[in-house]
């Protein structure tokens, strides 16, 4: 067999393996197997007071200016005329209504929640961290940070998500 034939056969073999791997990923439950094989990765804990997002990765941050002072790369949002408890309930009702969103973790002592949202087709996870700040009896603030967990996200998908969440969580407060 010639060298060209060997290369051709190798290329066909690699192509078949790639197609098989792609087919496996479409199978329900394949994500669990991939995590078992490759690991789930670690997600750095978010502290909105010191957060300075890495510009190399797709992300979007919306936050009151007095909270996210460590960076200048964010959408400034105003305090809300709603209690922190009421805002928390609205947030959790909203996220419960989304079939592509699951709770990853939460810390009720500081009202910080971390969600995973998966794209409906490719099942690629993005991480959304939300923190609610109590500012008074009927006043609160909200910070939302969405970032891609792996791979390349669709352009501006995190920005669109954060703005959609803001509109749905507090439609009368945020334009």
C-alpha atoms as a PDB file:
ATOM      1  CA  UNK A   1       0.000   0.000   0.000  1.00  0.00           C
ATOM      2  CA  UNK A   2       1.244   3.485  -0.835  1.00  0.00           C
ATOM      3  CA  UNK A   3       1.632   6.325   1.633  1.00  0.00           C
ATOM      4  CA  UNK A   4      -1.302   8.125   0.042  1.00  0.00           C
ATOM      5  CA  UNK A   5      -3.548   5.092   0.573  1.00  0.00           C
ATOM      6  CA  UNK A   6      -2.483   4.904   4.238  1.00  0.00           C
ATOM      7  CA  UNK A   7      -3.308   8.585   4.747  1.00  0.00           C
ATOM      8  CA  UNK A   8      -6.669   8.135   2.981  1.00  0.00           C
ATOM      9  CA  UNK A   9      -7.620   5.142   5.140  1.00  0.00           C
ATOM     10  CA  UNK A  10      -6.503   6.958   8.320  1.00  0.00           C
ATOM     11  CA  UNK A  11      -8.553  10.031   7.381  1.00  0.00           C
ATOM     12  CA  UNK A  12     -11.635   7.877   6.790  1.00  0.00           C
ATOM     13  CA  UNK A  13     -11.134   6.153  10.158  1.00  0.00           C
ATOM     14  CA  UNK A  14     -10.768   9.442  12.024  1.00  0.00           C
ATOM     15  CA  UNK A  15     -13.856  10.838  10.253  1.00  0.00           C
ATOM     16  CA  UNK A  16     -15.900   7.803  11.301  1.00  0.00           C
ATOM     17  CA  UNK A  17     -14.761   8.211  14.928  1.00  0.00           C
ATOM     18  CA  UNK A  18     -15.695  11.891  14.899  1.00  0.00           C
ATOM     19  CA  UNK A  19     -19.143  11.115  13.478  1.00  0.00           C
ATOM     20  CA  UNK A  20     -19.691   8.398  16.090  1.00  0.00           C
ATOM     21  CA  UNK A  21     -18.659  10.754  18.908  1.00  0.00           C
ATOM     22  CA  UNK A  22     -21.029  13.420  17.585  1.00  0.00           C
ATOM     23  CA  UNK A  23     -23.860  10.884  17.437  1.00  0.00           C
ATOM     24  CA  UNK A  24     -23.195   9.801  21.014  1.00  0.00           C
ATOM     25  CA  UNK A  25     -23.429  13.407  22.233  1.00  0.00           C
ATOM     26  CA  UNK A  26     -26.955  13.657  20.817  1.00  0.00           C
ATOM     27  CA  UNK A  27     -28.081  10.664  22.888  1.00  0.00           C
ATOM     28  CA  UNK A  28     -30.022  11.662  26.038  1.00  0.00           C
ATOM     29  CA  UNK A  29     -27.853  11.258  29.099  1.00  0.00           C
ATOM     30  CA  UNK A  30     -24.604  11.494  27.129  1.00  0.00           C
ATOM     31  CA  UNK A  31     -23.696  14.641  29.048  1.00  0.00           C
ATOM     32  CA  UNK A  32     -23.467  12.609  32.270  1.00  0.00           C
ATOM     33  CA  UNK A  33     -21.068  10.169  30.625  1.00  0.00           C
ATOM     34  CA  UNK A  34     -18.910  13.006  29.308  1.00  0.00           C
ATOM     35  CA  UNK A  35     -18.723  14.585  32.770  1.00  0.00           C
ATOM     36  CA  UNK A  36     -17.766  11.197  34.234  1.00  0.00           C
ATOM     37  CA  UNK A  37     -14.978  10.804  31.665  1.00  0.00           C
ATOM     38  CA  UNK A  38     -13.653  14.367  31.426  1.00  0.00           C
ATOM     39  CA  UNK A  39     -14.865  15.924  34.673  1.00  0.00           C
ATOM     40  CA  UNK A  40     -17.342  18.725  35.204  1.00  0.00           C
ATOM     41  CA  UNK A  41     -14.828  21.512  35.504  1.00  0.00           C
ATOM     42  CA  UNK A  42     -14.712  23.977  38.318  1.00  0.00           C
ATOM     43  CA  UNK A  43     -16.451  27.298  38.470  1.00  0.00           C
ATOM     44  CA  UNK A  44     -14.839  30.125  40.370  1.00  0.00           C
ATOM     45  CA  UNK A  45     -17.011  31.597  43.112  1.00  0.00           C
ATOM     46  CA  UNK A  46     -18.270  35.077  42.265  1.00  0.00           C
ATOM     47  CA  UNK A  47     -17.780  38.022  44.603  1.00  0.00           C
ATOM     48  CA  UNK A  48     -19.485  40.975  42.926  1.00  0.00           C
ATOM     49  CA  UNK A  49     -17.493  43.483  44.997  1.00  0.00           C
ATOM     50  CA  UNK A  50     -14.153  42.249  43.609  1.00  0.00           C
ATOM     51  CA  UNK A  51     -15.277  40.744  40.283  1.00  0.00           C
ATOM     52  CA  UNK A  52     -13.157  41.754  37.301  1.00  0.00           C
ATOM     53  CA  UNK A  53     -14.237  39.518  34.374  1.00  0.00           C
ATOM     54  CA  UNK A  54     -11.590  38.082  32.078  1.00  0.00           C
ATOM     55  CA  UNK A  55     -12.104  39.754  28.681  1.00  0.00           C
ATOM     56  CA  UNK A  56     -10.880  36.617  26.874  1.00  0.00           C
ATOM     57  CA  UNK A  57     -14.070  34.762  27.766  1.00  0.00           C
ATOM     58  CA  UNK A  58     -17.631  35.507  26.720  1.00  0.00           C
ATOM     59  CA  UNK A  59     -19.486  37.082  29.651  1.00  0.00           C
ATOM     60  CA  UNK A  60     -21.879  39.862  30.573  1.00  0.00           C
ATOM     61  CA  UNK A  61     -22.343  41.639  33.887  1.00  0.00           C
ATOM     62  CA  UNK A  62     -25.193  43.875  35.042  1.00  0.00           C
ATOM     63  CA  UNK A  63     -24.757  45.469  38.432  1.00  0.00           C
ATOM     64  CA  UNK A  64     -25.286  48.632  40.479  1.00  0.00           C
ATOM     65  CA  UNK A  65     -22.209  50.863  40.220  1.00  0.00           C
ATOM     66  CA  UNK A  66     -21.674  50.962  43.994  1.00  0.00           C
ATOM     67  CA  UNK A  67     -21.353  47.166  44.119  1.00  0.00           C
ATOM     68  CA  UNK A  68     -19.271  46.276  41.048  1.00  0.00           C
ATOM     69  CA  UNK A  69     -16.544  48.852  41.614  1.00  0.00           C
ATOM     70  CA  UNK A  70     -13.643  46.538  40.689  1.00  0.00           C
ATOM     71  CA  UNK A  71     -14.452  46.679  36.972  1.00  0.00           C
ATOM     72  CA  UNK A  72     -15.778  49.156  34.455  1.00  0.00           C
ATOM     73  CA  UNK A  73     -17.011  46.487  32.035  1.00  0.00           C
ATOM     74  CA  UNK A  74     -20.682  46.164  33.026  1.00  0.00           C
ATOM     75  CA  UNK A  75     -24.202  47.418  32.468  1.00  0.00           C
ATOM     76  CA  UNK A  76     -25.156  49.746  35.317  1.00  0.00           C
ATOM     77  CA  UNK A  77     -28.564  49.077  36.827  1.00  0.00           C
ATOM     78  CA  UNK A  78     -30.368  51.098  39.486  1.00  0.00           C
ATOM     79  CA  UNK A  79     -31.672  49.945  42.830  1.00  0.00           C
ATOM     80  CA  UNK A  80     -35.193  48.505  42.763  1.00  0.00           C
ATOM     81  CA  UNK A  81     -38.295  49.640  44.633  1.00  0.00           C
ATOM     82  CA  UNK A  82     -39.031  46.139  45.897  1.00  0.00           C
ATOM     83  CA  UNK A  83     -37.996  44.204  48.999  1.00  0.00           C
ATOM     84  CA  UNK A  84     -35.174  41.685  48.761  1.00  0.00           C
ATOM     85  CA  UNK A  85     -37.568  38.895  49.804  1.00  0.00           C
ATOM     86  CA  UNK A  86     -40.069  39.781  47.098  1.00  0.00           C
ATOM     87  CA  UNK A  87     -37.286  40.050  44.509  1.00  0.00           C
ATOM     88  CA  UNK A  88     -35.944  36.634  45.562  1.00  0.00           C
ATOM     89  CA  UNK A  89     -39.402  35.096  45.108  1.00  0.00           C
ATOM     90  CA  UNK A  90     -39.789  36.645  41.660  1.00  0.00           C
ATOM     91  CA  UNK A  91     -36.323  35.429  40.639  1.00  0.00           C
ATOM     92  CA  UNK A  92     -36.992  31.856  41.769  1.00  0.00           C
ATOM     93  CA  UNK A  93     -40.439  31.753  40.139  1.00  0.00           C
ATOM     94  CA  UNK A  94     -38.904  32.987  36.891  1.00  0.00           C
ATOM     95  CA  UNK A  95     -36.027  30.490  36.896  1.00  0.00           C
ATOM     96  CA  UNK A  96     -38.379  27.633  37.871  1.00  0.00           C
ATOM     97  CA  UNK A  97     -40.446  28.414  34.765  1.00  0.00           C
ATOM     98  CA  UNK A  98     -37.469  27.922  32.441  1.00  0.00           C
ATOM     99  CA  UNK A  99     -37.000  24.292  31.366  1.00  0.00           C
ATOM    100  CA  UNK A 100     -33.387  24.954  30.319  1.00  0.00           C
ATOM    101  CA  UNK A 101     -32.354  26.354  33.726  1.00  0.00           C
ATOM    102  CA  UNK A 102     -31.355  24.462  36.857  1.00  0.00           C
ATOM    103  CA  UNK A 103     -30.038  25.637  40.212  1.00  0.00           C
ATOM    104  CA  UNK A 104     -26.348  24.868  40.670  1.00  0.00           C
ATOM    105  CA  UNK A 105     -25.936  26.344  44.146  1.00  0.00           C
ATOM    106  CA  UNK A 106     -27.280  29.017  46.454  1.00  0.00           C
ATOM    107  CA  UNK A 107     -26.293  30.822  49.609  1.00  0.00           C
ATOM    108  CA  UNK A 108     -29.380  32.153  51.379  1.00  0.00           C
ATOM    109  CA  UNK A 109     -27.275  34.017  53.944  1.00  0.00           C
ATOM    110  CA  UNK A 110     -26.149  36.468  51.243  1.00  0.00           C
ATOM    111  CA  UNK A 111     -28.984  35.802  48.736  1.00  0.00           C
ATOM    112  CA  UNK A 112     -26.613  34.606  46.011  1.00  0.00           C
ATOM    113  CA  UNK A 113     -27.801  32.021  43.498  1.00  0.00           C
ATOM    114  CA  UNK A 114     -25.956  30.191  40.763  1.00  0.00           C
ATOM    115  CA  UNK A 115     -27.857  28.730  37.827  1.00  0.00           C
ATOM    116  CA  UNK A 116     -26.905  26.620  34.852  1.00  0.00           C
ATOM    117  CA  UNK A 117     -28.679  27.301  31.594  1.00  0.00           C
ATOM    118  CA  UNK A 118     -28.193  24.861  28.747  1.00  0.00           C
ATOM    119  CA  UNK A 119     -28.878  25.635  25.112  1.00  0.00           C
ATOM    120  CA  UNK A 120     -31.859  23.542  23.984  1.00  0.00           C
ATOM    121  CA  UNK A 121     -30.057  21.894  21.069  1.00  0.00           C
ATOM    122  CA  UNK A 122     -26.374  21.571  21.937  1.00  0.00           C
ATOM    123  CA  UNK A 123     -26.823  21.327  25.739  1.00  0.00           C
ATOM    124  CA  UNK A 124     -23.756  23.514  26.307  1.00  0.00           C
ATOM    125  CA  UNK A 125     -23.930  25.018  29.803  1.00  0.00           C
ATOM    126  CA  UNK A 126     -23.612  28.669  30.705  1.00  0.00           C
ATOM    127  CA  UNK A 127     -23.373  29.811  34.315  1.00  0.00           C
ATOM    128  CA  UNK A 128     -25.484  32.669  35.664  1.00  0.00           C
ATOM    129  CA  UNK A 129     -24.774  34.073  39.119  1.00  0.00           C
ATOM    130  CA  UNK A 130     -27.387  36.345  40.672  1.00  0.00           C
ATOM    131  CA  UNK A 131     -27.106  38.205  43.943  1.00  0.00           C
ATOM    132  CA  UNK A 132     -29.782  40.228  45.651  1.00  0.00           C
ATOM    133  CA  UNK A 133     -28.728  43.034  47.986  1.00  0.00           C
ATOM    134  CA  UNK A 134     -31.085  44.328  50.650  1.00  0.00           C
ATOM    135  CA  UNK A 135     -31.063  48.141  50.623  1.00  0.00           C
ATOM    136  CA  UNK A 136     -33.974  48.844  52.966  1.00  0.00           C
ATOM    137  CA  UNK A 137     -37.496  47.660  53.786  1.00  0.00           C
ATOM    138  CA  UNK A 138     -38.805  48.123  50.237  1.00  0.00           C
ATOM    139  CA  UNK A 139     -35.558  48.571  48.371  1.00  0.00           C
ATOM    140  CA  UNK A 140     -33.089  46.112  46.921  1.00  0.00           C
ATOM    141  CA  UNK A 141     -30.398  45.781  44.287  1.00  0.00           C
ATOM    142  CA  UNK A 142     -29.674  43.011  41.838  1.00  0.00           C
ATOM    143  CA  UNK A 143     -26.457  41.859  40.199  1.00  0.00           C
ATOM    144  CA  UNK A 144     -26.365  39.288  37.381  1.00  0.00           C
ATOM    145  CA  UNK A 145     -23.236  37.762  35.853  1.00  0.00           C
ATOM    146  CA  UNK A 146     -23.580  35.331  32.941  1.00  0.00           C
ATOM    147  CA  UNK A 147     -20.606  33.564  31.408  1.00  0.00           C
ATOM    148  CA  UNK A 148     -19.865  30.692  29.117  1.00  0.00           C
ATOM    149  CA  UNK A 149     -18.679  27.601  30.896  1.00  0.00           C
ATOM    150  CA  UNK A 150     -16.961  25.947  27.960  1.00  0.00           C
ATOM    151  CA  UNK A 151     -16.486  26.318  24.262  1.00  0.00           C
ATOM    152  CA  UNK A 152     -17.362  29.376  22.245  1.00  0.00           C
ATOM    153  CA  UNK A 153     -20.702  30.920  23.001  1.00  0.00           C
ATOM    154  CA  UNK A 154     -22.904  32.442  20.369  1.00  0.00           C
ATOM    155  CA  UNK A 155     -21.951  36.084  19.963  1.00  0.00           C
ATOM    156  CA  UNK A 156     -23.547  38.267  22.645  1.00  0.00           C
ATOM    157  CA  UNK A 157     -25.608  35.360  24.029  1.00  0.00           C
ATOM    158  CA  UNK A 158     -24.677  36.248  27.612  1.00  0.00           C
ATOM    159  CA  UNK A 159     -25.638  39.876  27.072  1.00  0.00           C
ATOM    160  CA  UNK A 160     -28.991  38.892  25.578  1.00  0.00           C
ATOM    161  CA  UNK A 161     -29.616  36.478  28.468  1.00  0.00           C
ATOM    162  CA  UNK A 162     -28.864  39.028  31.188  1.00  0.00           C
ATOM    163  CA  UNK A 163     -31.073  41.661  29.572  1.00  0.00           C
ATOM    164  CA  UNK A 164     -33.893  39.116  29.122  1.00  0.00           C
ATOM    165  CA  UNK A 165     -33.611  38.028  32.763  1.00  0.00           C
ATOM    166  CA  UNK A 166     -33.668  41.666  33.909  1.00  0.00           C
ATOM    167  CA  UNK A 167     -36.815  42.341  31.866  1.00  0.00           C
ATOM    168  CA  UNK A 168     -38.554  39.233  33.203  1.00  0.00           C
ATOM    169  CA  UNK A 169     -37.519  39.601  36.853  1.00  0.00           C
ATOM    170  CA  UNK A 170     -38.349  43.286  37.168  1.00  0.00           C
ATOM    171  CA  UNK A 171     -40.258  44.523  34.108  1.00  0.00           C
ATOM    172  CA  UNK A 172     -41.538  47.699  35.762  1.00  0.00           C
ATOM    173  CA  UNK A 173     -38.160  48.687  37.109  1.00  0.00           C
ATOM    174  CA  UNK A 174     -35.713  47.924  34.292  1.00  0.00           C
ATOM    175  CA  UNK A 175     -36.151  48.984  30.693  1.00  0.00           C
END
